[in-house]
Amino acid sequence: MTIAWLYNAGNRVYYWTESYTMSATQFAREVSGYIGKAISASDISACSRQSDLDSKRRIALQFIHID
C-alpha cells in the first residue's frame, strides 16, 4: 500500500504528498507547476512505509508538502 508520493527535485529538495489526497499523475502535474518543468507519474516515487518517508525527510534540505 502506498502512503505517500515523493519527487526528488535534486540538491536534496523533495516534494511530497499523502497518496490519499491525489493520484501520482495529479501530484506530477502539481509539482511540475512548482518547479517549472514537466514531469510525469513515472518520475514519482511511492512510499509504502512511514519510515521510507521519514528517511527522506532526514536527508532533505527542503521537504515541501503539496496539498
N, C-alpha and C. Protein backbone atom coordinates (compact mmCIF):
# COMPACT_ATOMS: atom_id res chain seq x y z
N MET A 1 0.84 -1.18 0.00
CA MET A 1 0.00 0.00 0.00
C MET A 1 0.88 1.25 0.00
N THR A 2 0.55 2.20 -0.80
CA THR A 2 1.30 3.46 -0.88
C THR A 2 0.71 4.47 0.09
N ILE A 3 1.59 5.07 0.91
CA ILE A 3 1.10 6.08 1.85
C ILE A 3 1.40 7.50 1.39
N ALA A 4 2.41 7.65 0.51
CA ALA A 4 2.79 8.99 0.05
C ALA A 4 3.46 8.91 -1.31
N TRP A 5 3.37 10.04 -2.03
CA TRP A 5 4.09 10.21 -3.28
C TRP A 5 5.26 11.15 -3.00
N LEU A 6 6.38 10.93 -3.69
CA LEU A 6 7.58 11.70 -3.43
C LEU A 6 8.27 12.01 -4.75
N TYR A 7 8.76 13.24 -4.87
CA TYR A 7 9.55 13.61 -6.04
C TYR A 7 10.85 14.22 -5.57
N ASN A 8 11.96 13.69 -6.06
CA ASN A 8 13.28 14.20 -5.75
C ASN A 8 13.66 15.21 -6.83
N ALA A 9 13.67 16.49 -6.46
CA ALA A 9 13.96 17.56 -7.42
C ALA A 9 15.45 17.84 -7.55
N GLY A 10 16.27 17.09 -6.83
CA GLY A 10 17.71 17.29 -6.87
C GLY A 10 18.16 18.24 -5.76
N ASN A 11 19.44 18.25 -5.50
CA ASN A 11 20.02 19.11 -4.47
C ASN A 11 19.33 18.97 -3.12
N ARG A 12 18.91 17.73 -2.80
CA ARG A 12 18.25 17.40 -1.54
C ARG A 12 16.95 18.17 -1.31
N VAL A 13 16.25 18.45 -2.40
CA VAL A 13 14.92 19.07 -2.34
C VAL A 13 13.91 18.01 -2.74
N TYR A 14 12.92 17.79 -1.88
CA TYR A 14 11.89 16.79 -2.12
C TYR A 14 10.51 17.42 -2.01
N TYR A 15 9.63 17.00 -2.89
CA TYR A 15 8.22 17.35 -2.83
C TYR A 15 7.47 16.08 -2.45
N TRP A 16 6.43 16.21 -1.64
CA TRP A 16 5.69 15.02 -1.23
C TRP A 16 4.24 15.36 -0.94
N THR A 17 3.41 14.32 -0.95
CA THR A 17 2.02 14.44 -0.53
C THR A 17 1.53 13.07 -0.08
N GLU A 18 0.48 13.06 0.70
CA GLU A 18 -0.14 11.81 1.09
C GLU A 18 -0.84 11.22 -0.14
N SER A 19 -0.77 9.92 -0.30
CA SER A 19 -1.32 9.29 -1.51
C SER A 19 -2.84 9.38 -1.57
N TYR A 20 -3.51 9.54 -0.44
CA TYR A 20 -4.97 9.62 -0.47
C TYR A 20 -5.47 10.99 -0.95
N THR A 21 -4.59 11.99 -1.04
CA THR A 21 -5.03 13.32 -1.46
C THR A 21 -5.09 13.48 -2.98
N MET A 22 -4.24 12.72 -3.71
CA MET A 22 -4.24 12.81 -5.17
C MET A 22 -3.50 11.62 -5.76
N SER A 23 -3.73 11.38 -7.02
CA SER A 23 -3.03 10.29 -7.72
C SER A 23 -1.60 10.73 -8.03
N ALA A 24 -0.78 9.78 -8.44
CA ALA A 24 0.59 10.09 -8.83
C ALA A 24 0.61 11.04 -10.02
N THR A 25 -0.32 10.87 -10.95
CA THR A 25 -0.41 11.75 -12.11
C THR A 25 -0.77 13.17 -11.69
N GLN A 26 -1.72 13.31 -10.81
CA GLN A 26 -2.10 14.64 -10.31
C GLN A 26 -0.94 15.28 -9.56
N PHE A 27 -0.25 14.50 -8.75
CA PHE A 27 0.89 15.00 -8.00
C PHE A 27 1.98 15.49 -8.96
N ALA A 28 2.24 14.73 -10.01
CA ALA A 28 3.25 15.12 -11.00
C ALA A 28 2.87 16.45 -11.65
N ARG A 29 1.59 16.64 -11.95
CA ARG A 29 1.14 17.92 -12.53
C ARG A 29 1.36 19.07 -11.56
N GLU A 30 1.03 18.85 -10.29
CA GLU A 30 1.20 19.89 -9.27
C GLU A 30 2.68 20.27 -9.12
N VAL A 31 3.53 19.27 -9.00
CA VAL A 31 4.96 19.52 -8.84
C VAL A 31 5.52 20.22 -10.08
N SER A 32 5.07 19.83 -11.25
CA SER A 32 5.51 20.48 -12.49
C SER A 32 5.28 21.98 -12.43
N GLY A 33 4.14 22.38 -11.88
CA GLY A 33 3.84 23.80 -11.74
C GLY A 33 4.80 24.51 -10.79
N TYR A 34 5.21 23.82 -9.74
CA TYR A 34 6.13 24.41 -8.77
C TYR A 34 7.54 24.53 -9.32
N ILE A 35 8.00 23.53 -10.05
CA ILE A 35 9.39 23.53 -10.48
C ILE A 35 9.58 24.11 -11.88
N GLY A 36 8.50 24.34 -12.61
CA GLY A 36 8.61 24.91 -13.95
C GLY A 36 9.17 23.95 -14.98
N LYS A 37 8.99 22.68 -14.75
CA LYS A 37 9.48 21.64 -15.67
C LYS A 37 8.45 20.53 -15.67
N ALA A 38 8.13 20.01 -16.84
CA ALA A 38 7.13 18.95 -16.94
C ALA A 38 7.71 17.63 -16.46
N ILE A 39 7.02 17.01 -15.51
CA ILE A 39 7.37 15.66 -15.07
C ILE A 39 6.11 14.81 -15.20
N SER A 40 6.29 13.51 -15.14
CA SER A 40 5.14 12.60 -15.25
C SER A 40 5.10 11.66 -14.05
N ALA A 41 4.08 10.86 -13.99
CA ALA A 41 3.93 9.91 -12.89
C ALA A 41 5.11 8.94 -12.81
N SER A 42 5.76 8.68 -13.92
CA SER A 42 6.91 7.78 -13.89
C SER A 42 8.12 8.39 -13.18
N ASP A 43 8.10 9.69 -12.95
CA ASP A 43 9.17 10.37 -12.22
C ASP A 43 8.92 10.40 -10.72
N ILE A 44 7.76 9.94 -10.30
CA ILE A 44 7.32 9.99 -8.91
C ILE A 44 7.65 8.68 -8.22
N SER A 45 8.10 8.77 -6.97
CA SER A 45 8.35 7.57 -6.16
C SER A 45 7.18 7.35 -5.21
N ALA A 46 6.91 6.10 -4.92
CA ALA A 46 5.87 5.73 -3.95
C ALA A 46 6.53 5.31 -2.65
N CYS A 47 6.03 5.84 -1.55
CA CYS A 47 6.49 5.41 -0.22
C CYS A 47 5.44 4.48 0.36
N SER A 48 5.86 3.29 0.71
CA SER A 48 4.90 2.32 1.24
C SER A 48 4.92 2.25 2.76
N ARG A 49 5.92 2.87 3.38
CA ARG A 49 6.00 2.88 4.85
C ARG A 49 6.37 4.27 5.32
N GLN A 50 5.93 4.60 6.52
CA GLN A 50 6.26 5.89 7.11
C GLN A 50 7.77 6.04 7.25
N SER A 51 8.46 4.96 7.53
CA SER A 51 9.92 5.03 7.69
C SER A 51 10.61 5.43 6.38
N ASP A 52 10.04 5.04 5.23
CA ASP A 52 10.59 5.47 3.93
C ASP A 52 10.53 6.99 3.81
N LEU A 53 9.38 7.53 4.15
CA LEU A 53 9.18 8.97 4.07
C LEU A 53 10.07 9.69 5.08
N ASP A 54 10.15 9.18 6.28
CA ASP A 54 10.97 9.80 7.33
C ASP A 54 12.45 9.82 6.97
N SER A 55 12.93 8.78 6.30
CA SER A 55 14.35 8.74 5.93
C SER A 55 14.67 9.84 4.92
N LYS A 56 13.76 10.11 4.00
CA LYS A 56 13.96 11.20 3.04
C LYS A 56 13.89 12.55 3.75
N ARG A 57 12.98 12.68 4.69
CA ARG A 57 12.83 13.93 5.45
C ARG A 57 14.12 14.26 6.19
N ARG A 58 14.80 13.25 6.72
CA ARG A 58 16.03 13.48 7.48
C ARG A 58 17.17 13.97 6.60
N ILE A 59 17.23 13.53 5.35
CA ILE A 59 18.34 13.93 4.48
C ILE A 59 18.04 15.18 3.66
N ALA A 60 16.79 15.60 3.63
CA ALA A 60 16.38 16.73 2.78
C ALA A 60 16.80 18.07 3.38
N LEU A 61 17.22 18.96 2.49
CA LEU A 61 17.39 20.36 2.88
C LEU A 61 16.04 21.06 2.87
N GLN A 62 15.21 20.69 1.89
CA GLN A 62 13.84 21.19 1.81
C GLN A 62 12.92 19.99 1.57
N PHE A 63 11.85 19.91 2.35
CA PHE A 63 10.90 18.82 2.25
C PHE A 63 9.52 19.48 2.12
N ILE A 64 9.08 19.67 0.90
CA ILE A 64 7.94 20.53 0.59
C ILE A 64 6.67 19.71 0.42
N HIS A 65 5.70 20.01 1.25
CA HIS A 65 4.42 19.31 1.20
C HIS A 65 3.49 19.97 0.18
N ILE A 66 2.89 19.18 -0.69
CA ILE A 66 1.92 19.64 -1.67
C ILE A 66 0.57 19.12 -1.24
N ASP A 67 -0.41 20.04 -1.11
CA ASP A 67 -1.75 19.58 -0.73
C ASP A 67 -2.81 20.10 -1.66
